[in-house]
Protein backbone atom coordinates (compact mmCIF):
# COMPACT_ATOMS: atom_id res chain seq x y z
CA UNK A 1 15.29 -35.70 -23.41
CA UNK A 2 16.81 -34.13 -26.48
CA UNK A 3 19.87 -32.02 -25.48
CA UNK A 4 18.72 -29.08 -27.59
CA UNK A 5 15.29 -29.13 -25.93
CA UNK A 6 16.85 -29.44 -22.47
CA UNK A 7 19.06 -26.42 -23.23
CA UNK A 8 16.08 -24.43 -24.53
CA UNK A 9 14.07 -25.28 -21.41
CA UNK A 10 17.00 -24.36 -19.18
CA UNK A 11 17.43 -21.05 -20.99
CA UNK A 12 13.70 -20.33 -20.55
CA UNK A 13 13.95 -21.03 -16.81
CA UNK A 14 16.98 -18.73 -16.51
CA UNK A 15 15.15 -15.97 -18.37
CA UNK A 16 12.15 -16.34 -16.06
CA UNK A 17 14.38 -16.18 -12.97
CA UNK A 18 16.15 -13.09 -14.34
CA UNK A 19 12.82 -11.44 -15.13
CA UNK A 20 11.50 -12.19 -11.63
CA UNK A 21 14.71 -10.85 -10.06
CA UNK A 22 14.40 -7.59 -12.01
CA UNK A 23 10.73 -7.28 -11.06
CA UNK A 24 11.47 -7.97 -7.38
CA UNK A 25 14.29 -5.44 -7.40
CA UNK A 26 12.01 -2.79 -8.92
CA UNK A 27 9.27 -3.54 -6.40
CA UNK A 28 11.72 -3.40 -3.49
CA UNK A 29 13.04 -0.01 -4.63
CA UNK A 30 9.49 1.33 -4.41
CA UNK A 31 8.89 0.21 -0.82
CA UNK A 32 8.43 2.94 1.73
CA UNK A 33 6.44 3.23 4.91
CA UNK A 34 5.14 5.98 7.14
CA UNK A 35 4.07 6.14 10.75
CA UNK A 36 2.53 8.86 12.86
CA UNK A 37 2.70 9.39 16.59
CA UNK A 38 -0.46 8.52 18.49
CA UNK A 39 -1.57 12.16 18.75
CA UNK A 40 -0.29 13.05 15.28
CA UNK A 41 2.48 15.46 16.27
CA UNK A 42 5.09 13.56 14.22
CA UNK A 43 4.89 11.67 10.93
CA UNK A 44 7.95 9.85 9.64
CA UNK A 45 8.58 8.20 6.27
CA UNK A 46 11.36 5.70 5.60
CA UNK A 47 12.42 3.76 2.52
CA UNK A 48 12.51 -0.03 2.29
CA UNK A 49 15.89 -0.13 3.99
CA UNK A 50 14.58 1.91 6.90
CA UNK A 51 16.46 5.06 5.88
CA UNK A 52 14.72 8.20 7.08
CA UNK A 53 13.31 10.13 4.12
CA UNK A 54 10.92 12.62 5.70
CA UNK A 55 9.88 13.97 9.08
CA UNK A 56 6.78 16.11 9.36
CA UNK A 57 5.93 17.99 12.54
CA UNK A 58 2.58 19.55 13.28
CA UNK A 59 2.19 22.70 15.37
CA UNK A 60 1.41 20.43 18.33
CA UNK A 61 5.00 19.16 18.16
CA UNK A 62 6.24 22.65 19.07
CA UNK A 63 4.54 22.32 22.45
CA UNK A 64 6.77 19.36 23.38
CA UNK A 65 10.12 19.88 25.06
CA UNK A 66 13.16 18.92 23.00
CA UNK A 67 13.79 15.59 24.76
CA UNK A 68 10.16 14.48 24.44
CA UNK A 69 10.06 15.47 20.77
CA UNK A 70 13.32 13.65 20.09
CA UNK A 71 12.05 10.50 21.79
CA UNK A 72 8.76 10.72 19.87
CA UNK A 73 10.63 11.01 16.57
CA UNK A 74 12.74 7.95 17.44
CA UNK A 75 9.74 5.82 18.44
CA UNK A 76 7.77 6.90 15.38
CA UNK A 77 10.77 6.17 13.14
CA UNK A 78 11.07 2.69 14.61
CA UNK A 79 7.42 2.00 13.80
CA UNK A 80 7.90 3.22 10.22
CA UNK A 81 10.97 0.97 9.92
CA UNK A 82 8.99 -2.00 11.24
CA UNK A 83 6.28 -1.34 8.65
CA UNK A 84 8.84 -1.01 5.85
CA UNK A 85 10.44 -4.30 6.90
CA UNK A 86 7.06 -6.01 6.89
CA UNK A 87 6.37 -4.68 3.40
CA UNK A 88 9.79 -5.86 2.21
CA UNK A 89 8.97 -9.33 3.55
CA UNK A 90 5.62 -9.27 1.71
CA UNK A 91 7.31 -8.34 -1.57
CA UNK A 92 9.89 -11.09 -1.16
CA UNK A 93 7.21 -13.64 -0.28
CA UNK A 94 5.47 -12.81 -3.56
CA UNK A 95 8.62 -13.80 -5.45
CA UNK A 96 10.08 -16.52 -3.26
CA UNK A 97 6.99 -18.10 -1.77
CA UNK A 98 7.09 -19.55 1.71
CA UNK A 99 10.16 -21.61 2.40
CA UNK A 100 13.79 -21.60 3.40
CA UNK A 101 14.83 -18.67 1.20
CA UNK A 102 12.17 -16.41 2.68
CA UNK A 103 12.93 -17.62 6.20
CA UNK A 104 16.60 -16.77 5.67
CA UNK A 105 15.65 -13.20 4.74
CA UNK A 106 12.98 -12.61 7.37
CA UNK A 107 15.10 -13.88 10.27
CA UNK A 108 17.12 -10.66 9.97
CA UNK A 109 14.12 -8.35 10.17
CA UNK A 110 13.37 -6.32 13.30
CA UNK A 111 11.41 -7.89 16.11
CA UNK A 112 7.68 -7.57 15.68
CA UNK A 113 7.70 -8.14 11.92
CA UNK A 114 5.61 -11.15 10.98
CA UNK A 115 7.92 -13.93 9.92
């Protein structure tokens, strides 16, 4: 192969990888997930990293004692985090495809996230 052509092809591949990395990064920044308690007293939203962004309580939440409400918020937050992790894995699968790279990422996700 002509060295100039090889270099041009290599540059094109690097540009494609860089473009895909920027697109993946943008998509990952947009990931968020919500979960609601089974009776709807609590709704929690987290970002792609699982960081709590919003907690909404309905009037029914006021009828719970403090310990029960706290536990419900924790359980609901964990479900939102699980959903966010699953969405992060989906986004990465779109860019990486199935294989070792994706497996390396998904092995660190919380239990219960499809790997």
